Amino acid sequence: MFGEKAQISIELIIVLAAVVAIVLLLVSQLQKTAEQGTKVFDKKTDSIFKEIEDI
């Protein structure tokens, strides 16, 4: 009986570790995407301001 509980706990720890790893991977991907979006937004904003200055 005790061996089964220990086995379940180890399996649960492994599953939780895998979930944490996936979450960290997703978070890092979202950060990269956000950084790219910020760069695009900054370039677009700069071009809009340049056009406004030309008017």
Protein backbone atom coordinates (compact mmCIF):
# COMPACT_ATOMS: atom_id res chain seq x y z
CA MET A 1 0.00 0.00 0.00
CA PHE A 2 2.74 2.48 0.94
CA GLY A 3 4.68 1.61 -2.21
CA GLU A 4 1.68 2.53 -4.36
CA LYS A 5 1.35 5.93 -2.66
CA ALA A 6 5.06 6.60 -3.17
CA GLN A 7 4.74 5.62 -6.83
CA ILE A 8 1.81 7.99 -7.32
CA SER A 9 3.73 10.82 -5.67
CA ILE A 10 6.77 10.30 -7.89
CA GLU A 11 4.57 10.20 -10.99
CA LEU A 12 2.80 13.36 -9.85
CA ILE A 13 6.13 15.14 -9.33
CA ILE A 14 7.27 14.11 -12.82
CA VAL A 15 4.02 15.36 -14.38
CA LEU A 16 4.22 18.65 -12.48
CA ALA A 17 7.84 19.13 -13.56
CA ALA A 18 6.82 18.57 -17.18
CA VAL A 19 3.96 21.07 -16.86
CA VAL A 20 6.27 23.67 -15.32
CA ALA A 21 8.78 23.15 -18.13
CA ILE A 22 6.07 23.63 -20.76
CA VAL A 23 4.77 26.77 -19.04
CA LEU A 24 8.27 28.25 -18.89
CA LEU A 25 8.75 27.49 -22.58
CA LEU A 26 5.47 29.18 -23.47
CA VAL A 27 6.30 32.22 -21.34
CA SER A 28 9.68 32.64 -23.03
CA GLN A 29 8.04 32.35 -26.47
CA LEU A 30 5.45 34.97 -25.50
CA GLN A 31 8.20 37.30 -24.30
CA LYS A 32 10.04 36.94 -27.62
CA THR A 33 6.84 37.61 -29.53
CA ALA A 34 6.11 40.67 -27.39
CA GLU A 35 9.61 42.03 -27.99
CA GLN A 36 9.20 41.59 -31.75
CA GLY A 37 5.81 43.28 -31.61
CA THR A 38 7.27 46.19 -29.68
CA LYS A 39 10.01 46.66 -32.29
CA VAL A 40 7.46 46.66 -35.12
CA PHE A 41 5.25 49.10 -33.21
CA ASP A 42 8.20 51.43 -32.56
CA LYS A 43 9.18 51.44 -36.24
CA LYS A 44 5.63 52.15 -37.31
CA THR A 45 5.29 54.95 -34.76
CA ASP A 46 8.54 56.52 -35.96
CA SER A 47 7.39 56.42 -39.59
CA ILE A 48 4.05 57.99 -38.66
CA PHE A 49 5.75 60.83 -36.79
CA LYS A 50 8.10 61.44 -39.73
CA GLU A 51 5.12 61.69 -42.06
CA ILE A 52 3.44 64.13 -39.68
CA GLU A 53 6.60 66.27 -39.58
CA ASP A 54 6.65 66.38 -43.39
CA ILE A 55 3.15 67.84 -43.52
